[in-house]
Amino acid sequence: MKTQPLNYHKLYDEARKLFFDDSTAYGIERKTEYLAYLLALESGLRVSDLLNQKYYNFSYNEKLGKHCFTTFIKKTKSQHTGVISNELYHYIQEYRDAVRTIYNRSSEYIFYNYKTNKPYTRQWLHKRIKMIAKKLKFKNAGVHSIRKASAIHVLDKTGSLSMAQYHLTHKRATTTDKYLGVTQATALEQLARVF
């Protein structure tokens, strides 16, 4: 069964709330998890690319008034530049400061396991997505669920399939159509509401 997109706003709000929860149940490992959800939702990156993000990939773009990231996309073997909210950039910096305080050091990787001295893995995030999906009552959730939710959010906000295509780093719009589940039947249903 195909993974289903998660509810973007429900996951974003939950992750943001728990990122700032200072109770002992939510230590730095949990902050790492919730930061991964937030960055995945805003960036639309594949899990393998997301987990390889480094602090220096992010910088402020004065023209846009936003923080951007530039990263290498493994699947397409190309560079990609995207935009994140200034709020998320500050979360990343706050997380980095917390890591430095706790471990007295900092890796260049954002998602780095200081106990194993290796970056976190796709399996690590997949397991956590399953847990948060169960908690928030999402069905058929997997590693692509957050990416799909991110693309749908971009499509809803911009009304542009080409923006969703760029956001997902797809080379062809037909790939984005398939990814988002745009079928002839759903297209005709939506067009019927227009005319």
N, C-alpha and C. Protein backbone atom coordinates (compact mmCIF):
# COMPACT_ATOMS: atom_id res chain seq x y z
N MET A 1 0.84 -1.18 0.00
CA MET A 1 0.00 0.00 0.00
C MET A 1 0.88 1.24 0.00
N LYS A 2 0.52 2.22 -0.81
CA LYS A 2 1.30 3.45 -0.91
C LYS A 2 1.23 4.26 0.38
N THR A 3 2.35 4.93 0.67
CA THR A 3 2.32 5.81 1.83
C THR A 3 1.43 7.00 1.53
N GLN A 4 0.77 7.47 2.54
CA GLN A 4 -0.13 8.60 2.41
C GLN A 4 0.55 9.85 2.97
N PRO A 5 0.24 11.01 2.41
CA PRO A 5 0.81 12.23 2.98
C PRO A 5 0.25 12.45 4.39
N LEU A 6 1.06 13.01 5.24
CA LEU A 6 0.63 13.36 6.58
C LEU A 6 -0.04 14.72 6.54
N ASN A 7 -0.78 15.04 7.55
CA ASN A 7 -1.38 16.37 7.67
C ASN A 7 -0.26 17.35 8.03
N TYR A 8 0.10 18.21 7.08
CA TYR A 8 1.24 19.12 7.22
C TYR A 8 1.14 19.94 8.51
N HIS A 9 0.02 20.62 8.70
CA HIS A 9 -0.11 21.54 9.83
C HIS A 9 -0.16 20.81 11.17
N LYS A 10 -0.81 19.67 11.19
CA LYS A 10 -0.90 18.90 12.43
C LYS A 10 0.49 18.42 12.87
N LEU A 11 1.27 17.89 11.93
CA LEU A 11 2.62 17.43 12.26
C LEU A 11 3.53 18.61 12.59
N TYR A 12 3.44 19.69 11.83
CA TYR A 12 4.30 20.86 12.06
C TYR A 12 4.05 21.43 13.46
N ASP A 13 2.77 21.59 13.80
CA ASP A 13 2.44 22.15 15.11
C ASP A 13 2.90 21.25 16.25
N GLU A 14 2.71 19.94 16.09
CA GLU A 14 3.14 18.98 17.11
C GLU A 14 4.66 18.98 17.25
N ALA A 15 5.37 18.96 16.15
CA ALA A 15 6.83 18.95 16.19
C ALA A 15 7.38 20.23 16.80
N ARG A 16 6.79 21.36 16.44
CA ARG A 16 7.25 22.64 17.00
C ARG A 16 7.00 22.69 18.51
N LYS A 17 5.83 22.23 18.93
CA LYS A 17 5.49 22.22 20.36
C LYS A 17 6.48 21.33 21.13
N LEU A 18 6.72 20.13 20.63
CA LEU A 18 7.58 19.19 21.33
C LEU A 18 9.06 19.56 21.25
N PHE A 19 9.45 20.30 20.20
CA PHE A 19 10.83 20.76 20.08
C PHE A 19 11.19 21.64 21.28
N PHE A 20 10.21 22.40 21.76
CA PHE A 20 10.45 23.32 22.87
C PHE A 20 10.06 22.75 24.23
N ASP A 21 9.62 21.50 24.27
CA ASP A 21 9.27 20.87 25.54
C ASP A 21 10.55 20.53 26.29
N ASP A 22 10.74 21.13 27.43
CA ASP A 22 11.97 20.93 28.20
C ASP A 22 11.86 19.82 29.25
N SER A 23 10.78 19.06 29.23
CA SER A 23 10.65 18.00 30.22
C SER A 23 11.71 16.93 29.96
N THR A 24 12.01 16.15 30.97
CA THR A 24 13.06 15.15 30.84
C THR A 24 12.72 14.07 29.82
N ALA A 25 11.43 13.89 29.55
CA ALA A 25 11.02 12.88 28.55
C ALA A 25 11.45 13.28 27.15
N TYR A 26 11.72 14.55 26.95
CA TYR A 26 12.09 15.03 25.62
C TYR A 26 13.49 15.62 25.67
N GLY A 27 14.49 14.76 25.62
CA GLY A 27 15.87 15.19 25.65
C GLY A 27 16.34 15.60 24.26
N ILE A 28 17.63 15.71 24.12
CA ILE A 28 18.21 16.18 22.85
C ILE A 28 17.90 15.23 21.70
N GLU A 29 17.79 13.92 21.98
CA GLU A 29 17.46 12.98 20.91
C GLU A 29 16.07 13.27 20.34
N ARG A 30 15.15 13.65 21.22
CA ARG A 30 13.80 14.00 20.76
C ARG A 30 13.81 15.31 19.99
N LYS A 31 14.61 16.26 20.45
CA LYS A 31 14.73 17.53 19.71
C LYS A 31 15.24 17.25 18.30
N THR A 32 16.18 16.32 18.19
CA THR A 32 16.72 15.94 16.88
C THR A 32 15.60 15.43 15.99
N GLU A 33 14.79 14.55 16.54
CA GLU A 33 13.67 13.97 15.80
C GLU A 33 12.69 15.04 15.33
N TYR A 34 12.31 15.92 16.23
CA TYR A 34 11.32 16.94 15.87
C TYR A 34 11.89 17.98 14.90
N LEU A 35 13.17 18.27 15.04
CA LEU A 35 13.80 19.17 14.07
C LEU A 35 13.82 18.52 12.69
N ALA A 36 14.03 17.21 12.64
CA ALA A 36 14.01 16.49 11.35
C ALA A 36 12.64 16.62 10.69
N TYR A 37 11.56 16.49 11.47
CA TYR A 37 10.22 16.64 10.90
C TYR A 37 10.03 18.04 10.35
N LEU A 38 10.43 19.05 11.13
CA LEU A 38 10.24 20.44 10.70
C LEU A 38 11.02 20.75 9.43
N LEU A 39 12.28 20.31 9.38
CA LEU A 39 13.09 20.58 8.19
C LEU A 39 12.58 19.79 6.99
N ALA A 40 12.13 18.56 7.22
CA ALA A 40 11.58 17.76 6.12
C ALA A 40 10.32 18.43 5.56
N LEU A 41 9.46 18.92 6.43
CA LEU A 41 8.23 19.56 5.97
C LEU A 41 8.52 20.83 5.17
N GLU A 42 9.48 21.61 5.61
CA GLU A 42 9.76 22.86 4.90
C GLU A 42 10.64 22.67 3.67
N SER A 43 11.54 21.71 3.69
CA SER A 43 12.49 21.57 2.58
C SER A 43 11.99 20.64 1.48
N GLY A 44 11.17 19.65 1.83
CA GLY A 44 10.72 18.67 0.84
C GLY A 44 11.80 17.70 0.41
N LEU A 45 12.91 17.66 1.13
CA LEU A 45 14.03 16.80 0.74
C LEU A 45 13.72 15.33 0.98
N ARG A 46 14.33 14.48 0.16
CA ARG A 46 14.29 13.04 0.41
C ARG A 46 15.03 12.78 1.71
N VAL A 47 14.67 11.70 2.39
CA VAL A 47 15.24 11.41 3.70
C VAL A 47 16.76 11.33 3.64
N SER A 48 17.31 10.67 2.63
CA SER A 48 18.77 10.54 2.55
C SER A 48 19.44 11.90 2.42
N ASP A 49 18.83 12.82 1.68
CA ASP A 49 19.38 14.16 1.54
C ASP A 49 19.16 14.98 2.81
N LEU A 50 18.02 14.81 3.42
CA LEU A 50 17.70 15.52 4.66
C LEU A 50 18.72 15.19 5.75
N LEU A 51 18.98 13.91 5.95
CA LEU A 51 19.87 13.48 7.02
C LEU A 51 21.33 13.83 6.76
N ASN A 52 21.65 14.24 5.55
CA ASN A 52 23.02 14.67 5.22
C ASN A 52 23.21 16.18 5.29
N GLN A 53 22.20 16.89 5.79
CA GLN A 53 22.32 18.34 5.86
C GLN A 53 23.37 18.77 6.87
N LYS A 54 24.11 19.79 6.49
CA LYS A 54 25.15 20.35 7.34
C LYS A 54 24.78 21.79 7.68
N TYR A 55 25.27 22.25 8.80
CA TYR A 55 24.93 23.61 9.25
C TYR A 55 25.31 24.66 8.21
N TYR A 56 26.44 24.46 7.54
CA TYR A 56 26.90 25.47 6.59
C TYR A 56 26.10 25.49 5.28
N ASN A 57 25.17 24.57 5.10
CA ASN A 57 24.32 24.58 3.90
C ASN A 57 23.31 25.72 3.93
N PHE A 58 23.13 26.36 5.08
CA PHE A 58 22.09 27.38 5.28
C PHE A 58 22.71 28.76 5.36
N SER A 59 22.07 29.71 4.67
CA SER A 59 22.53 31.09 4.73
C SER A 59 21.35 32.03 4.48
N TYR A 60 21.54 33.27 4.87
CA TYR A 60 20.48 34.27 4.72
C TYR A 60 20.56 34.91 3.34
N ASN A 61 19.43 34.99 2.66
CA ASN A 61 19.35 35.64 1.36
C ASN A 61 18.66 36.98 1.56
N GLU A 62 19.45 38.05 1.45
CA GLU A 62 18.91 39.39 1.72
C GLU A 62 17.80 39.77 0.75
N LYS A 63 17.94 39.40 -0.51
CA LYS A 63 16.93 39.73 -1.52
C LYS A 63 15.58 39.12 -1.17
N LEU A 64 15.59 37.87 -0.69
CA LEU A 64 14.35 37.18 -0.33
C LEU A 64 13.90 37.50 1.09
N GLY A 65 14.84 37.90 1.93
CA GLY A 65 14.52 38.11 3.34
C GLY A 65 14.26 36.80 4.07
N LYS A 66 14.82 35.72 3.54
CA LYS A 66 14.63 34.38 4.10
C LYS A 66 15.96 33.64 4.12
N HIS A 67 15.97 32.56 4.87
CA HIS A 67 17.14 31.68 4.86
C HIS A 67 16.96 30.63 3.77
N CYS A 68 18.04 30.35 3.09
CA CYS A 68 18.03 29.36 2.01
C CYS A 68 19.03 28.26 2.34
N PHE A 69 18.86 27.16 1.66
CA PHE A 69 19.84 26.08 1.79
C PHE A 69 20.23 25.64 0.39
N THR A 70 21.46 25.28 0.25
CA THR A 70 21.96 24.72 -1.01
C THR A 70 22.58 23.39 -0.66
N THR A 71 22.16 22.36 -1.38
CA THR A 71 22.61 21.01 -1.05
C THR A 71 22.74 20.18 -2.31
N PHE A 72 23.49 19.12 -2.22
CA PHE A 72 23.64 18.18 -3.32
C PHE A 72 22.55 17.12 -3.18
N ILE A 73 21.82 16.88 -4.27
CA ILE A 73 20.75 15.88 -4.30
C ILE A 73 21.32 14.60 -4.90
N LYS A 74 21.36 13.55 -4.10
CA LYS A 74 21.97 12.29 -4.55
C LYS A 74 21.29 11.71 -5.78
N LYS A 75 19.95 11.64 -5.75
CA LYS A 75 19.23 10.96 -6.82
C LYS A 75 19.44 11.61 -8.18
N THR A 76 19.40 12.94 -8.22
CA THR A 76 19.54 13.65 -9.49
C THR A 76 20.98 14.09 -9.76
N LYS A 77 21.84 13.88 -8.77
CA LYS A 77 23.25 14.27 -8.88
C LYS A 77 23.40 15.74 -9.29
N SER A 78 22.63 16.58 -8.58
CA SER A 78 22.65 18.01 -8.90
C SER A 78 22.52 18.84 -7.62
N GLN A 79 22.88 20.10 -7.75
CA GLN A 79 22.72 21.04 -6.64
C GLN A 79 21.27 21.53 -6.62
N HIS A 80 20.78 21.79 -5.43
CA HIS A 80 19.42 22.32 -5.27
C HIS A 80 19.45 23.40 -4.21
N THR A 81 18.76 24.50 -4.48
CA THR A 81 18.61 25.56 -3.50
C THR A 81 17.14 25.68 -3.16
N GLY A 82 16.86 25.72 -1.88
CA GLY A 82 15.49 25.86 -1.40
C GLY A 82 15.41 26.93 -0.33
N VAL A 83 14.21 27.18 0.13
CA VAL A 83 13.95 28.22 1.12
C VAL A 83 13.34 27.58 2.36
N ILE A 84 13.76 28.06 3.52
CA ILE A 84 13.10 27.67 4.77
C ILE A 84 12.69 28.95 5.50
N SER A 85 11.80 28.82 6.44
CA SER A 85 11.39 30.00 7.21
C SER A 85 12.53 30.45 8.11
N ASN A 86 12.53 31.74 8.41
CA ASN A 86 13.53 32.26 9.33
C ASN A 86 13.34 31.63 10.71
N GLU A 87 12.11 31.33 11.05
CA GLU A 87 11.80 30.67 12.32
C GLU A 87 12.52 29.32 12.42
N LEU A 88 12.44 28.52 11.36
CA LEU A 88 13.10 27.22 11.37
C LEU A 88 14.61 27.38 11.44
N TYR A 89 15.15 28.37 10.74
CA TYR A 89 16.59 28.60 10.82
C TYR A 89 17.02 28.86 12.27
N HIS A 90 16.22 29.63 12.99
CA HIS A 90 16.53 29.90 14.39
C HIS A 90 16.42 28.64 15.25
N TYR A 91 15.49 27.75 14.92
CA TYR A 91 15.40 26.45 15.61
C TYR A 91 16.68 25.65 15.39
N ILE A 92 17.17 25.67 14.15
CA ILE A 92 18.40 24.94 13.83
C ILE A 92 19.57 25.48 14.65
N GLN A 93 19.65 26.82 14.75
CA GLN A 93 20.73 27.42 15.53
C GLN A 93 20.58 27.13 17.02
N GLU A 94 19.35 27.16 17.51
CA GLU A 94 19.08 26.84 18.91
C GLU A 94 19.45 25.39 19.21
N TYR A 95 19.14 24.51 18.27
CA TYR A 95 19.48 23.09 18.42
C TYR A 95 21.01 22.93 18.46
N ARG A 96 21.70 23.62 17.57
CA ARG A 96 23.17 23.53 17.53
C ARG A 96 23.77 23.99 18.87
N ASP A 97 23.23 25.07 19.43
CA ASP A 97 23.70 25.56 20.72
C ASP A 97 23.45 24.53 21.82
N ALA A 98 22.28 23.88 21.79
CA ALA A 98 21.95 22.86 22.79
C ALA A 98 22.90 21.67 22.68
N VAL A 99 23.20 21.27 21.46
CA VAL A 99 24.13 20.15 21.24
C VAL A 99 25.51 20.50 21.79
N ARG A 100 25.97 21.71 21.51
CA ARG A 100 27.29 22.14 22.01
C ARG A 100 27.32 22.15 23.54
N THR A 101 26.22 22.58 24.15
CA THR A 101 26.16 22.63 25.61
C THR A 101 26.18 21.22 26.20
N ILE A 102 25.42 20.31 25.62
CA ILE A 102 25.31 18.95 26.15
C ILE A 102 26.56 18.12 25.88
N TYR A 103 27.05 18.15 24.65
CA TYR A 103 28.16 17.28 24.26
C TYR A 103 29.52 17.98 24.23
N ASN A 104 29.50 19.29 24.43
CA ASN A 104 30.72 20.08 24.42
C ASN A 104 31.46 19.99 23.08
N ARG A 105 30.70 19.74 22.02
CA ARG A 105 31.24 19.70 20.66
C ARG A 105 30.07 19.75 19.68
N SER A 106 30.38 19.91 18.42
CA SER A 106 29.33 19.95 17.41
C SER A 106 29.87 19.37 16.10
N SER A 107 29.07 18.51 15.49
CA SER A 107 29.42 17.96 14.19
C SER A 107 29.02 18.95 13.11
N GLU A 108 29.55 18.78 11.92
CA GLU A 108 29.09 19.60 10.80
C GLU A 108 27.69 19.17 10.37
N TYR A 109 27.32 17.91 10.67
CA TYR A 109 26.00 17.39 10.32
C TYR A 109 24.98 17.83 11.37
N ILE A 110 23.81 18.23 10.90
CA ILE A 110 22.74 18.59 11.83
C ILE A 110 22.23 17.33 12.54
N PHE A 111 21.98 16.28 11.77
CA PHE A 111 21.39 15.07 12.32
C PHE A 111 22.48 14.03 12.59
N TYR A 112 23.19 14.27 13.67
CA TYR A 112 24.36 13.46 14.03
C TYR A 112 24.12 12.82 15.39
N ASN A 113 24.37 11.52 15.47
CA ASN A 113 24.20 10.78 16.72
C ASN A 113 25.52 10.81 17.47
N TYR A 114 25.57 11.59 18.54
CA TYR A 114 26.81 11.76 19.29
C TYR A 114 27.16 10.54 20.13
N LYS A 115 26.21 9.62 20.29
CA LYS A 115 26.48 8.40 21.04
C LYS A 115 27.20 7.37 20.17
N THR A 116 26.86 7.33 18.88
CA THR A 116 27.51 6.38 17.96
C THR A 116 28.58 7.05 17.11
N ASN A 117 28.64 8.38 17.16
CA ASN A 117 29.56 9.17 16.34
C ASN A 117 29.36 8.95 14.85
N LYS A 118 28.08 8.86 14.44
CA LYS A 118 27.70 8.72 13.04
C LYS A 118 26.43 9.52 12.78
N PRO A 119 26.22 9.94 11.55
CA PRO A 119 24.94 10.58 11.23
C PRO A 119 23.79 9.60 11.43
N TYR A 120 22.63 10.14 11.77
CA TYR A 120 21.44 9.29 11.90
C TYR A 120 21.11 8.67 10.56
N THR A 121 20.42 7.52 10.59
CA THR A 121 20.10 6.77 9.37
C THR A 121 18.64 6.93 8.98
N ARG A 122 18.38 6.52 7.76
CA ARG A 122 17.02 6.50 7.23
C ARG A 122 16.12 5.62 8.11
N GLN A 123 16.65 4.50 8.58
CA GLN A 123 15.89 3.58 9.43
C GLN A 123 15.50 4.25 10.75
N TRP A 124 16.41 5.05 11.29
CA TRP A 124 16.13 5.79 12.52
C TRP A 124 14.92 6.70 12.33
N LEU A 125 14.92 7.45 11.22
CA LEU A 125 13.81 8.38 10.98
C LEU A 125 12.53 7.62 10.63
N HIS A 126 12.65 6.55 9.88
CA HIS A 126 11.47 5.76 9.51
C HIS A 126 10.75 5.25 10.77
N LYS A 127 11.52 4.75 11.72
CA LYS A 127 10.94 4.25 12.97
C LYS A 127 10.20 5.36 13.71
N ARG A 128 10.78 6.54 13.74
CA ARG A 128 10.16 7.66 14.44
C ARG A 128 8.93 8.18 13.71
N ILE A 129 8.95 8.15 12.39
CA ILE A 129 7.77 8.56 11.63
C ILE A 129 6.61 7.62 11.94
N LYS A 130 6.89 6.35 12.04
CA LYS A 130 5.84 5.37 12.39
C LYS A 130 5.25 5.69 13.77
N MET A 131 6.12 6.07 14.72
CA MET A 131 5.65 6.36 16.08
C MET A 131 4.80 7.64 16.12
N ILE A 132 5.26 8.69 15.44
CA ILE A 132 4.50 9.95 15.46
C ILE A 132 3.20 9.79 14.68
N ALA A 133 3.24 8.98 13.62
CA ALA A 133 2.03 8.73 12.83
C ALA A 133 0.98 8.03 13.69
N LYS A 134 1.42 7.09 14.48
CA LYS A 134 0.49 6.38 15.37
C LYS A 134 -0.09 7.35 16.40
N LYS A 135 0.77 8.18 16.97
CA LYS A 135 0.33 9.15 17.98
C LYS A 135 -0.69 10.14 17.40
N LEU A 136 -0.45 10.59 16.17
CA LEU A 136 -1.33 11.59 15.55
C LEU A 136 -2.43 10.96 14.69
N LYS A 137 -2.48 9.62 14.71
CA LYS A 137 -3.51 8.85 14.01
C LYS A 137 -3.47 9.04 12.49
N PHE A 138 -2.25 9.07 11.93
CA PHE A 138 -2.06 9.08 10.48
C PHE A 138 -2.01 7.63 10.01
N LYS A 139 -2.56 7.35 8.86
CA LYS A 139 -2.55 5.99 8.32
C LYS A 139 -1.53 5.85 7.20
N ASN A 140 -0.95 4.66 7.05
CA ASN A 140 -0.01 4.32 5.98
C ASN A 140 1.14 5.33 5.87
N ALA A 141 1.73 5.68 7.00
CA ALA A 141 2.81 6.66 7.01
C ALA A 141 4.15 5.98 6.79
N GLY A 142 5.01 6.63 6.06
CA GLY A 142 6.35 6.16 5.80
C GLY A 142 7.27 7.34 5.58
N VAL A 143 8.49 7.06 5.17
CA VAL A 143 9.47 8.15 5.01
C VAL A 143 9.06 9.15 3.93
N HIS A 144 8.27 8.71 2.95
CA HIS A 144 7.84 9.64 1.90
C HIS A 144 6.61 10.45 2.30
N SER A 145 5.97 10.08 3.38
CA SER A 145 4.74 10.76 3.80
C SER A 145 4.97 12.24 4.08
N ILE A 146 6.08 12.57 4.72
CA ILE A 146 6.38 13.97 5.03
C ILE A 146 6.71 14.72 3.74
N ARG A 147 7.43 14.10 2.85
CA ARG A 147 7.78 14.73 1.56
C ARG A 147 6.53 15.02 0.75
N LYS A 148 5.60 14.06 0.73
CA LYS A 148 4.34 14.28 0.01
C LYS A 148 3.55 15.43 0.65
N ALA A 149 3.50 15.44 1.98
CA ALA A 149 2.79 16.51 2.68
C ALA A 149 3.40 17.87 2.35
N SER A 150 4.72 17.91 2.27
CA SER A 150 5.42 19.15 1.94
C SER A 150 5.06 19.63 0.54
N ALA A 151 5.05 18.71 -0.41
CA ALA A 151 4.73 19.07 -1.79
C ALA A 151 3.28 19.53 -1.92
N ILE A 152 2.38 18.87 -1.24
CA ILE A 152 0.96 19.27 -1.28
C ILE A 152 0.81 20.66 -0.67
N HIS A 153 1.55 20.92 0.40
CA HIS A 153 1.51 22.25 1.03
C HIS A 153 1.98 23.33 0.04
N VAL A 154 3.07 23.06 -0.66
CA VAL A 154 3.58 24.02 -1.65
C VAL A 154 2.55 24.22 -2.76
N LEU A 155 1.98 23.12 -3.24
CA LEU A 155 0.96 23.20 -4.30
C LEU A 155 -0.25 24.00 -3.84
N ASP A 156 -0.71 23.74 -2.62
CA ASP A 156 -1.86 24.47 -2.07
C ASP A 156 -1.57 25.96 -1.92
N LYS A 157 -0.37 26.29 -1.45
CA LYS A 157 0.00 27.69 -1.21
C LYS A 157 0.27 28.48 -2.48
N THR A 158 0.87 27.81 -3.48
CA THR A 158 1.25 28.53 -4.70
C THR A 158 0.29 28.29 -5.86
N GLY A 159 -0.42 27.17 -5.82
CA GLY A 159 -1.27 26.81 -6.94
C GLY A 159 -0.48 26.42 -8.17
N SER A 160 0.80 26.15 -7.99
CA SER A 160 1.69 25.90 -9.12
C SER A 160 2.32 24.52 -9.04
N LEU A 161 2.02 23.69 -10.00
CA LEU A 161 2.64 22.37 -10.07
C LEU A 161 4.14 22.50 -10.32
N SER A 162 4.55 23.52 -11.07
CA SER A 162 5.98 23.70 -11.34
C SER A 162 6.74 24.08 -10.06
N MET A 163 6.09 24.79 -9.14
CA MET A 163 6.75 25.09 -7.86
C MET A 163 6.89 23.82 -7.03
N ALA A 164 5.86 22.98 -7.02
CA ALA A 164 5.94 21.69 -6.31
C ALA A 164 7.02 20.83 -6.95
N GLN A 165 7.12 20.86 -8.27
CA GLN A 165 8.14 20.10 -8.99
C GLN A 165 9.53 20.57 -8.58
N TYR A 166 9.75 21.88 -8.54
CA TYR A 166 11.05 22.42 -8.13
C TYR A 166 11.33 22.03 -6.68
N HIS A 167 10.34 22.18 -5.83
CA HIS A 167 10.48 21.88 -4.40
C HIS A 167 10.90 20.43 -4.18
N LEU A 168 10.36 19.52 -4.98
CA LEU A 168 10.68 18.09 -4.86
C LEU A 168 11.92 17.69 -5.63
N THR A 169 12.50 18.61 -6.38
CA THR A 169 13.67 18.38 -7.25
C THR A 169 13.39 17.33 -8.32
N HIS A 170 12.16 17.32 -8.83
CA HIS A 170 11.83 16.42 -9.93
C HIS A 170 12.25 17.05 -11.25
N LYS A 171 12.72 16.24 -12.17
CA LYS A 171 13.12 16.74 -13.49
C LYS A 171 11.91 16.97 -14.39
N ARG A 172 10.86 16.15 -14.22
CA ARG A 172 9.67 16.25 -15.08
C ARG A 172 8.40 16.45 -14.27
N ALA A 173 7.50 17.24 -14.81
CA ALA A 173 6.20 17.49 -14.15
C ALA A 173 5.38 16.21 -14.04
N THR A 174 5.54 15.30 -14.99
CA THR A 174 4.78 14.05 -14.94
C THR A 174 5.17 13.23 -13.69
N THR A 175 6.42 13.33 -13.29
CA THR A 175 6.87 12.64 -12.07
C THR A 175 6.15 13.24 -10.86
N THR A 176 6.06 14.56 -10.84
CA THR A 176 5.38 15.24 -9.73
C THR A 176 3.89 14.90 -9.72
N ASP A 177 3.28 14.85 -10.91
CA ASP A 177 1.86 14.44 -11.00
C ASP A 177 1.65 13.07 -10.37
N LYS A 178 2.47 12.12 -10.75
CA LYS A 178 2.35 10.76 -10.22
C LYS A 178 2.61 10.74 -8.72
N TYR A 179 3.61 11.47 -8.31
CA TYR A 179 3.99 11.51 -6.90
C TYR A 179 2.85 12.04 -6.03
N LEU A 180 2.19 13.06 -6.54
CA LEU A 180 1.10 13.67 -5.79
C LEU A 180 -0.23 12.94 -6.00
N GLY A 181 -0.21 11.92 -6.84
CA GLY A 181 -1.43 11.14 -7.05
C GLY A 181 -2.43 11.81 -7.95
N VAL A 182 -1.95 12.68 -8.84
CA VAL A 182 -2.86 13.33 -9.78
C VAL A 182 -3.18 12.32 -10.88
N THR A 183 -4.42 11.92 -10.92
CA THR A 183 -4.88 10.98 -11.93
C THR A 183 -5.90 11.69 -12.81
N GLN A 184 -6.25 11.06 -13.90
CA GLN A 184 -7.27 11.64 -14.77
C GLN A 184 -8.57 11.84 -14.00
N ALA A 185 -8.94 10.86 -13.18
CA ALA A 185 -10.19 10.96 -12.42
C ALA A 185 -10.18 12.15 -11.48
N THR A 186 -9.07 12.34 -10.71
CA THR A 186 -9.03 13.47 -9.78
C THR A 186 -8.94 14.79 -10.53
N ALA A 187 -8.25 14.80 -11.66
CA ALA A 187 -8.17 16.03 -12.46
C ALA A 187 -9.55 16.41 -12.99
N LEU A 188 -10.29 15.42 -13.48
CA LEU A 188 -11.64 15.70 -14.00
C LEU A 188 -12.58 16.16 -12.90
N GLU A 189 -12.47 15.56 -11.72
CA GLU A 189 -13.30 16.01 -10.58
C GLU A 189 -13.04 17.47 -10.25
N GLN A 190 -11.76 17.85 -10.21
CA GLN A 190 -11.43 19.24 -9.88
C GLN A 190 -11.85 20.18 -11.00
N LEU A 191 -11.67 19.77 -12.25
CA LEU A 191 -12.09 20.60 -13.37
C LEU A 191 -13.60 20.76 -13.41
N ALA A 192 -14.33 19.75 -12.99
CA ALA A 192 -15.79 19.83 -12.94
C ALA A 192 -16.25 20.91 -11.97
N ARG A 193 -15.47 21.14 -10.89
CA ARG A 193 -15.81 22.19 -9.92
C ARG A 193 -15.51 23.59 -10.47
N VAL A 194 -14.60 23.65 -11.43
CA VAL A 194 -14.21 24.95 -12.02
C VAL A 194 -15.26 25.41 -13.04
N PHE A 195 -15.75 24.46 -13.85
CA PHE A 195 -16.64 24.84 -14.95
C PHE A 195 -18.08 24.51 -14.66
